[in-house]
Amino acid sequence: MFQGILGGEVNPYADYLIVRQSDAHVWVEIWHPENGWMRTDPTAVVSPERISDGMRASLMPGELPDFFDRKYFRNLSDIFQRVRLGWDVVNTQWSAFFEGYSYDVQRALLEKIGIRSGALDASLKAMLLLVVLAGMIIGAYAWFSLRSPRRKPDAIEKYYARYCEKLATTGFARKPDQGPIDYMQYVSKNRPDLQNKIAQITDLYVRLRYRDQASAADLAKFVEKVRKFDPAPVKRF
């Protein structure tokens, strides 16, 4: 058993044959003792016009699937047929152009506008280099723009951190959940000898960080006290 097509529709606008799924056809071949394999297809004998007219010629008017074949729209059938065939030409040529746009066609088109083979290779390499450079620049810009900016610590934060580091060297490191006052009370309880200095530094820090009446003089005093602060451990004898 063999399968192929029978008939089709000639498009008069571009002189090619439109073959659809409905044009599929099956025939058989039989073995003849004298002539060998012979094709046996009674379709052309029973209905010869199908070869030129296709499947539509073998259907009754009421069996045609087209919407315009109904009796109320038969006058529009010819117009619709012309539009359909015209659109098929446009669609076919569009597909053929892109599917057949090979390297040779591209080179011939570029040569028509003065770009030769060697110049074309150089142009493609230069274009590729520009694309890579543009991608690197865009990537770097996006990375610098989207990353979280690192905030530089101000003088108050800087010297308070130094103050906490000095206390940490004596075994009283500040815990993450301790505020400045809680930290002062914690250290003063264990180092009563530092209570006065710690209270002064903490009071200045709270005033500078959380109160509006802080002045430049307060900041200078805070920096000086932190620099002179020496929480050396008490010597025991």
C-alpha atoms as a PDB file:
ATOM      1  CA  MET A   1       0.000   0.000   0.000  1.00  0.00           C
ATOM      2  CA  PHE A   2       1.320   3.423  -0.954  1.00  0.00           C
ATOM      3  CA  GLN A   3       0.356   6.920   0.082  1.00  0.00           C
ATOM      4  CA  GLY A   4       0.597  10.189  -1.793  1.00  0.00           C
ATOM      5  CA  ILE A   5      -1.627  12.995  -3.015  1.00  0.00           C
ATOM      6  CA  LEU A   6      -4.352  13.207  -5.586  1.00  0.00           C
ATOM      7  CA  GLY A   7      -5.259  16.550  -7.074  1.00  0.00           C
ATOM      8  CA  GLY A   8      -4.712  19.944  -5.483  1.00  0.00           C
ATOM      9  CA  GLU A   9      -5.603  23.554  -6.140  1.00  0.00           C
ATOM     10  CA  VAL A  10      -3.720  25.704  -8.624  1.00  0.00           C
ATOM     11  CA  ASN A  11      -3.117  29.239  -7.402  1.00  0.00           C
ATOM     12  CA  PRO A  12      -3.471  31.448 -10.507  1.00  0.00           C
ATOM     13  CA  TYR A  13      -1.728  34.415  -8.889  1.00  0.00           C
ATOM     14  CA  ALA A  14       1.631  32.664  -8.544  1.00  0.00           C
ATOM     15  CA  ASP A  15       1.300  29.518 -10.663  1.00  0.00           C
ATOM     16  CA  TYR A  16       1.858  26.883  -7.994  1.00  0.00           C
ATOM     17  CA  LEU A  17      -0.169  23.987  -6.609  1.00  0.00           C
ATOM     18  CA  ILE A  18      -1.743  24.141  -3.150  1.00  0.00           C
ATOM     19  CA  VAL A  19      -1.788  20.684  -1.594  1.00  0.00           C
ATOM     20  CA  ARG A  20      -3.807  20.140   1.576  1.00  0.00           C
ATOM     21  CA  GLN A  21      -4.337  17.268   3.945  1.00  0.00           C
ATOM     22  CA  SER A  22      -7.656  16.575   2.243  1.00  0.00           C
ATOM     23  CA  ASP A  23      -5.721  15.773  -0.956  1.00  0.00           C
ATOM     24  CA  ALA A  24      -4.022  12.768   0.655  1.00  0.00           C
ATOM     25  CA  HIS A  25      -4.584   9.570  -1.278  1.00  0.00           C
ATOM     26  CA  VAL A  26      -3.811   5.878  -0.832  1.00  0.00           C
ATOM     27  CA  TRP A  27      -3.444   3.277  -3.553  1.00  0.00           C
ATOM     28  CA  VAL A  28      -2.248  -0.314  -3.782  1.00  0.00           C
ATOM     29  CA  GLU A  29       0.042  -2.301  -6.029  1.00  0.00           C
ATOM     30  CA  ILE A  30      -0.488  -5.936  -6.967  1.00  0.00           C
ATOM     31  CA  TRP A  31       1.868  -8.533  -8.305  1.00  0.00           C
ATOM     32  CA  HIS A  32       1.083  -9.699 -11.833  1.00  0.00           C
ATOM     33  CA  PRO A  33       2.861 -12.862 -12.969  1.00  0.00           C
ATOM     34  CA  GLU A  34       3.618 -11.408 -16.410  1.00  0.00           C
ATOM     35  CA  ASN A  35       3.958  -7.682 -15.748  1.00  0.00           C
ATOM     36  CA  GLY A  36       5.344  -7.679 -12.187  1.00  0.00           C
ATOM     37  CA  TRP A  37       4.169  -5.054  -9.721  1.00  0.00           C
ATOM     38  CA  MET A  38       1.307  -2.974 -11.047  1.00  0.00           C
ATOM     39  CA  ARG A  39      -0.412   0.013  -9.484  1.00  0.00           C
ATOM     40  CA  THR A  40      -4.131  -0.501  -9.003  1.00  0.00           C
ATOM     41  CA  ASP A  41      -6.037   2.716  -8.335  1.00  0.00           C
ATOM     42  CA  PRO A  42      -9.692   2.759  -9.400  1.00  0.00           C
ATOM     43  CA  THR A  43     -10.209   6.346  -8.181  1.00  0.00           C
ATOM     44  CA  ALA A  44      -9.317   7.983 -11.491  1.00  0.00           C
ATOM     45  CA  VAL A  45     -11.600   5.606 -13.354  1.00  0.00           C
ATOM     46  CA  VAL A  46     -14.584   6.116 -11.104  1.00  0.00           C
ATOM     47  CA  SER A  47     -14.149   9.880 -10.754  1.00  0.00           C
ATOM     48  CA  PRO A  48     -11.525  11.241 -13.208  1.00  0.00           C
ATOM     49  CA  GLU A  49     -12.268  14.893 -12.379  1.00  0.00           C
ATOM     50  CA  ARG A  50     -10.811  14.420  -8.912  1.00  0.00           C
ATOM     51  CA  ILE A  51      -7.353  14.498 -10.419  1.00  0.00           C
ATOM     52  CA  SER A  52      -7.756  18.162 -11.367  1.00  0.00           C
ATOM     53  CA  ASP A  53     -10.448  19.293  -8.926  1.00  0.00           C
ATOM     54  CA  GLY A  54      -9.348  17.525  -5.765  1.00  0.00           C
ATOM     55  CA  MET A  55     -11.520  16.376  -2.887  1.00  0.00           C
ATOM     56  CA  ARG A  56     -13.971  19.275  -3.116  1.00  0.00           C
ATOM     57  CA  ALA A  57     -15.242  18.029  -6.490  1.00  0.00           C
ATOM     58  CA  SER A  58     -16.421  14.749  -4.975  1.00  0.00           C
ATOM     59  CA  LEU A  59     -18.487  16.373  -2.209  1.00  0.00           C
ATOM     60  CA  MET A  60     -22.071  17.501  -2.380  1.00  0.00           C
ATOM     61  CA  PRO A  61     -22.769  21.246  -1.931  1.00  0.00           C
ATOM     62  CA  GLY A  62     -24.199  20.633   1.512  1.00  0.00           C
ATOM     63  CA  GLU A  63     -21.083  18.718   2.551  1.00  0.00           C
ATOM     64  CA  LEU A  64     -18.636  21.496   1.765  1.00  0.00           C
ATOM     65  CA  PRO A  65     -17.036  22.852   4.922  1.00  0.00           C
ATOM     66  CA  ASP A  66     -16.691  26.465   3.800  1.00  0.00           C
ATOM     67  CA  PHE A  67     -18.882  28.933   5.611  1.00  0.00           C
ATOM     68  CA  PHE A  68     -19.472  30.853   2.371  1.00  0.00           C
ATOM     69  CA  ASP A  69     -20.882  27.783   0.609  1.00  0.00           C
ATOM     70  CA  ARG A  70     -24.119  28.184   2.523  1.00  0.00           C
ATOM     71  CA  LYS A  71     -27.004  29.412   0.421  1.00  0.00           C
ATOM     72  CA  TYR A  72     -27.163  32.835   2.083  1.00  0.00           C
ATOM     73  CA  PHE A  73     -23.510  33.571   1.328  1.00  0.00           C
ATOM     74  CA  ARG A  74     -22.875  31.933  -2.047  1.00  0.00           C
ATOM     75  CA  ASN A  75     -22.523  35.330  -3.722  1.00  0.00           C
ATOM     76  CA  LEU A  76     -19.536  36.073  -1.512  1.00  0.00           C
ATOM     77  CA  SER A  77     -17.839  32.752  -2.176  1.00  0.00           C
ATOM     78  CA  ASP A  78     -15.924  33.977  -5.239  1.00  0.00           C
ATOM     79  CA  ILE A  79     -14.656  37.072  -3.426  1.00  0.00           C
ATOM     80  CA  PHE A  80     -13.581  35.014  -0.460  1.00  0.00           C
ATOM     81  CA  GLN A  81     -11.796  32.552  -2.765  1.00  0.00           C
ATOM     82  CA  ARG A  82      -9.795  35.355  -4.413  1.00  0.00           C
ATOM     83  CA  VAL A  83      -8.832  36.842  -1.059  1.00  0.00           C
ATOM     84  CA  ARG A  84      -7.809  33.440   0.263  1.00  0.00           C
ATOM     85  CA  LEU A  85      -5.624  32.676  -2.749  1.00  0.00           C
ATOM     86  CA  GLY A  86      -4.046  36.132  -2.622  1.00  0.00           C
ATOM     87  CA  TRP A  87      -3.230  35.750   1.054  1.00  0.00           C
ATOM     88  CA  ASP A  88      -1.751  32.309   0.372  1.00  0.00           C
ATOM     89  CA  VAL A  89       0.622  33.878  -2.171  1.00  0.00           C
ATOM     90  CA  VAL A  90       1.772  36.502   0.330  1.00  0.00           C
ATOM     91  CA  ASN A  91       2.231  33.911   3.091  1.00  0.00           C
ATOM     92  CA  THR A  92       4.096  31.498   0.798  1.00  0.00           C
ATOM     93  CA  GLN A  93       6.488  34.127  -0.541  1.00  0.00           C
ATOM     94  CA  TRP A  94       7.117  35.448   2.967  1.00  0.00           C
ATOM     95  CA  SER A  95       7.992  31.950   4.220  1.00  0.00           C
ATOM     96  CA  ALA A  96      10.143  31.217   1.178  1.00  0.00           C
ATOM     97  CA  PHE A  97      12.093  34.467   1.652  1.00  0.00           C
ATOM     98  CA  PHE A  98      13.022  33.810   5.277  1.00  0.00           C
ATOM     99  CA  GLU A  99      13.546  30.075   4.955  1.00  0.00           C
ATOM    100  CA  GLY A 100      15.678  30.597   1.851  1.00  0.00           C
ATOM    101  CA  TYR A 101      17.678  33.541   3.222  1.00  0.00           C
ATOM    102  CA  SER A 102      20.934  31.598   3.125  1.00  0.00           C
ATOM    103  CA  TYR A 103      24.512  32.753   3.519  1.00  0.00           C
ATOM    104  CA  ASP A 104      24.933  33.059  -0.244  1.00  0.00           C
ATOM    105  CA  VAL A 105      21.850  35.255  -0.516  1.00  0.00           C
ATOM    106  CA  GLN A 106      23.070  37.439   2.342  1.00  0.00           C
ATOM    107  CA  ARG A 107      26.529  37.790   0.780  1.00  0.00           C
ATOM    108  CA  ALA A 108      25.061  38.664  -2.626  1.00  0.00           C
ATOM    109  CA  LEU A 109      22.844  41.303  -1.038  1.00  0.00           C
ATOM    110  CA  LEU A 110      25.754  42.855   0.869  1.00  0.00           C
ATOM    111  CA  GLU A 111      27.965  42.835  -2.219  1.00  0.00           C
ATOM    112  CA  LYS A 112      25.311  44.836  -4.062  1.00  0.00           C
ATOM    113  CA  ILE A 113      25.733  47.646  -1.545  1.00  0.00           C
ATOM    114  CA  GLY A 114      29.542  47.494  -1.712  1.00  0.00           C
ATOM    115  CA  ILE A 115      30.448  45.193   1.176  1.00  0.00           C
ATOM    116  CA  ARG A 116      32.807  42.448  -0.042  1.00  0.00           C
ATOM    117  CA  SER A 117      33.718  39.172   1.606  1.00  0.00           C
ATOM    118  CA  GLY A 118      36.829  40.374   3.428  1.00  0.00           C
ATOM    119  CA  ALA A 119      35.177  43.578   4.528  1.00  0.00           C
ATOM    120  CA  LEU A 120      32.166  41.575   5.631  1.00  0.00           C
ATOM    121  CA  ASP A 121      34.273  39.366   7.919  1.00  0.00           C
ATOM    122  CA  ALA A 122      35.973  42.428   9.393  1.00  0.00           C
ATOM    123  CA  SER A 123      32.631  44.144   9.859  1.00  0.00           C
ATOM    124  CA  LEU A 124      31.165  41.107  11.609  1.00  0.00           C
ATOM    125  CA  LYS A 125      34.165  40.852  13.942  1.00  0.00           C
ATOM    126  CA  ALA A 126      33.996  44.562  14.740  1.00  0.00           C
ATOM    127  CA  MET A 127      30.252  44.310  15.337  1.00  0.00           C
ATOM    128  CA  LEU A 128      30.744  41.297  17.619  1.00  0.00           C
ATOM    129  CA  LEU A 129      33.422  43.171  19.569  1.00  0.00           C
ATOM    130  CA  LEU A 130      31.139  46.184  19.969  1.00  0.00           C
ATOM    131  CA  VAL A 131      28.304  43.953  21.177  1.00  0.00           C
ATOM    132  CA  VAL A 132      30.601  42.313  23.763  1.00  0.00           C
ATOM    133  CA  LEU A 133      31.907  45.673  24.978  1.00  0.00           C
ATOM    134  CA  ALA A 134      28.392  47.096  25.185  1.00  0.00           C
ATOM    135  CA  GLY A 135      27.279  44.032  27.173  1.00  0.00           C
ATOM    136  CA  MET A 136      30.201  44.447  29.597  1.00  0.00           C
ATOM    137  CA  ILE A 137      29.456  48.146  30.085  1.00  0.00           C
ATOM    138  CA  ILE A 138      25.749  47.497  30.663  1.00  0.00           C
ATOM    139  CA  GLY A 139      26.542  44.649  33.066  1.00  0.00           C
ATOM    140  CA  ALA A 140      29.006  46.768  35.057  1.00  0.00           C
ATOM    141  CA  TYR A 141      26.569  49.669  35.211  1.00  0.00           C
ATOM    142  CA  ALA A 142      23.763  47.380  36.392  1.00  0.00           C
ATOM    143  CA  TRP A 143      26.007  45.817  39.039  1.00  0.00           C
ATOM    144  CA  PHE A 144      27.111  49.154  40.460  1.00  0.00           C
ATOM    145  CA  SER A 145      23.590  50.592  40.273  1.00  0.00           C
ATOM    146  CA  LEU A 146      21.710  47.698  41.846  1.00  0.00           C
ATOM    147  CA  ARG A 147      24.057  46.747  44.649  1.00  0.00           C
ATOM    148  CA  SER A 148      23.341  48.168  48.088  1.00  0.00           C
ATOM    149  CA  PRO A 149      25.504  51.193  48.806  1.00  0.00           C
ATOM    150  CA  ARG A 150      27.833  50.842  51.752  1.00  0.00           C
ATOM    151  CA  ARG A 151      27.283  53.592  54.242  1.00  0.00           C
ATOM    152  CA  LYS A 152      30.454  54.992  55.721  1.00  0.00           C
ATOM    153  CA  PRO A 153      30.319  55.251  59.517  1.00  0.00           C
ATOM    154  CA  ASP A 154      30.207  58.780  60.880  1.00  0.00           C
ATOM    155  CA  ALA A 155      32.473  60.054  63.659  1.00  0.00           C
ATOM    156  CA  ILE A 156      29.970  59.230  66.410  1.00  0.00           C
ATOM    157  CA  GLU A 157      29.531  55.631  65.292  1.00  0.00           C
ATOM    158  CA  LYS A 158      33.248  55.240  64.626  1.00  0.00           C
ATOM    159  CA  TYR A 159      34.372  56.315  68.099  1.00  0.00           C
ATOM    160  CA  TYR A 160      31.600  54.479  69.921  1.00  0.00           C
ATOM    161  CA  ALA A 161      32.688  51.297  68.141  1.00  0.00           C
ATOM    162  CA  ARG A 162      36.253  51.986  69.293  1.00  0.00           C
ATOM    163  CA  TYR A 163      34.990  52.460  72.849  1.00  0.00           C
ATOM    164  CA  CYS A 164      33.194  49.098  72.701  1.00  0.00           C
ATOM    165  CA  GLU A 165      36.323  47.417  71.321  1.00  0.00           C
ATOM    166  CA  LYS A 166      38.359  48.693  74.267  1.00  0.00           C
ATOM    167  CA  LEU A 167      35.871  47.232  76.725  1.00  0.00           C
ATOM    168  CA  ALA A 168      35.764  43.957  74.792  1.00  0.00           C
ATOM    169  CA  THR A 169      39.518  43.495  75.383  1.00  0.00           C
ATOM    170  CA  THR A 170      38.804  43.296  79.135  1.00  0.00           C
ATOM    171  CA  GLY A 171      36.213  40.547  78.701  1.00  0.00           C
ATOM    172  CA  PHE A 172      33.062  42.677  78.534  1.00  0.00           C
ATOM    173  CA  ALA A 173      32.065  42.597  74.879  1.00  0.00           C
ATOM    174  CA  ARG A 174      28.809  44.252  73.926  1.00  0.00           C
ATOM    175  CA  LYS A 175      26.005  41.837  73.104  1.00  0.00           C
ATOM    176  CA  PRO A 176      23.859  42.376  69.965  1.00  0.00           C
ATOM    177  CA  ASP A 177      20.722  43.011  72.062  1.00  0.00           C
ATOM    178  CA  GLN A 178      22.325  45.572  74.385  1.00  0.00           C
ATOM    179  CA  GLY A 179      21.629  49.251  73.899  1.00  0.00           C
ATOM    180  CA  PRO A 180      24.117  51.890  75.109  1.00  0.00           C
ATOM    181  CA  ILE A 181      22.484  52.303  78.535  1.00  0.00           C
ATOM    182  CA  ASP A 182      22.077  48.558  79.112  1.00  0.00           C
ATOM    183  CA  TYR A 183      25.700  48.066  78.117  1.00  0.00           C
ATOM    184  CA  MET A 184      26.805  50.789  80.544  1.00  0.00           C
ATOM    185  CA  GLN A 185      24.910  49.157  83.418  1.00  0.00           C
ATOM    186  CA  TYR A 186      26.308  45.730  82.560  1.00  0.00           C
ATOM    187  CA  VAL A 187      29.933  46.928  82.556  1.00  0.00           C
ATOM    188  CA  SER A 188      29.513  49.189  85.615  1.00  0.00           C
ATOM    189  CA  LYS A 189      28.154  46.273  87.618  1.00  0.00           C
ATOM    190  CA  ASN A 190      31.274  44.254  86.911  1.00  0.00           C
ATOM    191  CA  ARG A 191      33.766  47.116  86.799  1.00  0.00           C
ATOM    192  CA  PRO A 192      32.747  49.700  89.363  1.00  0.00           C
ATOM    193  CA  ASP A 193      36.147  51.375  88.950  1.00  0.00           C
ATOM    194  CA  LEU A 194      35.104  52.424  85.407  1.00  0.00           C
ATOM    195  CA  GLN A 195      31.589  53.501  86.278  1.00  0.00           C
ATOM    196  CA  ASN A 196      32.222  57.253  86.182  1.00  0.00           C
ATOM    197  CA  LYS A 197      34.097  57.244  82.843  1.00  0.00           C
ATOM    198  CA  ILE A 198      31.620  54.868  81.249  1.00  0.00           C
ATOM    199  CA  ALA A 199      28.674  57.000  82.376  1.00  0.00           C
ATOM    200  CA  GLN A 200      30.221  60.164  80.875  1.00  0.00           C
ATOM    201  CA  ILE A 201      30.983  58.517  77.535  1.00  0.00           C
ATOM    202  CA  THR A 202      27.530  56.910  77.358  1.00  0.00           C
ATOM    203  CA  ASP A 203      25.762  60.153  78.231  1.00  0.00           C
ATOM    204  CA  LEU A 204      27.627  62.012  75.479  1.00  0.00           C
ATOM    205  CA  TYR A 205      26.919  59.247  72.964  1.00  0.00           C
ATOM    206  CA  VAL A 206      23.180  59.211  73.717  1.00  0.00           C
ATOM    207  CA  ARG A 207      23.036  62.998  73.500  1.00  0.00           C
ATOM    208  CA  LEU A 208      24.854  63.052  70.156  1.00  0.00           C
ATOM    209  CA  ARG A 209      22.935  60.166  68.612  1.00  0.00           C
ATOM    210  CA  TYR A 210      19.398  60.604  69.936  1.00  0.00           C
ATOM    211  CA  ARG A 211      18.965  64.218  71.107  1.00  0.00           C
ATOM    212  CA  ASP A 212      18.621  67.448  69.131  1.00  0.00           C
ATOM    213  CA  GLN A 213      20.571  69.707  71.501  1.00  0.00           C
ATOM    214  CA  ALA A 214      23.936  68.065  70.721  1.00  0.00           C
ATOM    215  CA  SER A 215      26.678  70.453  69.582  1.00  0.00           C
ATOM    216  CA  ALA A 216      30.101  70.331  68.018  1.00  0.00           C
ATOM    217  CA  ALA A 217      31.585  70.813  71.460  1.00  0.00           C
ATOM    218  CA  ASP A 218      29.831  67.663  72.673  1.00  0.00           C
ATOM    219  CA  LEU A 219      31.267  65.706  69.737  1.00  0.00           C
ATOM    220  CA  ALA A 220      34.788  66.963  70.470  1.00  0.00           C
ATOM    221  CA  LYS A 221      34.428  66.058  74.125  1.00  0.00           C
ATOM    222  CA  PHE A 222      33.101  62.593  73.214  1.00  0.00           C
ATOM    223  CA  VAL A 223      36.011  61.912  70.865  1.00  0.00           C
ATOM    224  CA  GLU A 224      38.559  63.068  73.446  1.00  0.00           C
ATOM    225  CA  LYS A 225      37.135  60.902  76.238  1.00  0.00           C
ATOM    226  CA  VAL A 226      37.040  57.799  74.000  1.00  0.00           C
ATOM    227  CA  ARG A 227      40.663  58.363  72.969  1.00  0.00           C
ATOM    228  CA  LYS A 228      41.813  58.710  76.593  1.00  0.00           C
ATOM    229  CA  PHE A 229      39.637  55.863  77.838  1.00  0.00           C
ATOM    230  CA  ASP A 230      41.796  53.039  79.179  1.00  0.00           C
ATOM    231  CA  PRO A 231      39.823  50.148  80.678  1.00  0.00           C
ATOM    232  CA  ALA A 232      42.879  48.231  81.803  1.00  0.00           C
ATOM    233  CA  PRO A 233      41.950  45.354  84.109  1.00  0.00           C
ATOM    234  CA  VAL A 234      42.328  45.935  87.817  1.00  0.00           C
ATOM    235  CA  LYS A 235      45.481  44.434  89.235  1.00  0.00           C
ATOM    236  CA  ARG A 236      44.810  42.081  92.047  1.00  0.00           C
ATOM    237  CA  PHE A 237      47.382  41.151  94.641  1.00  0.00           C
END
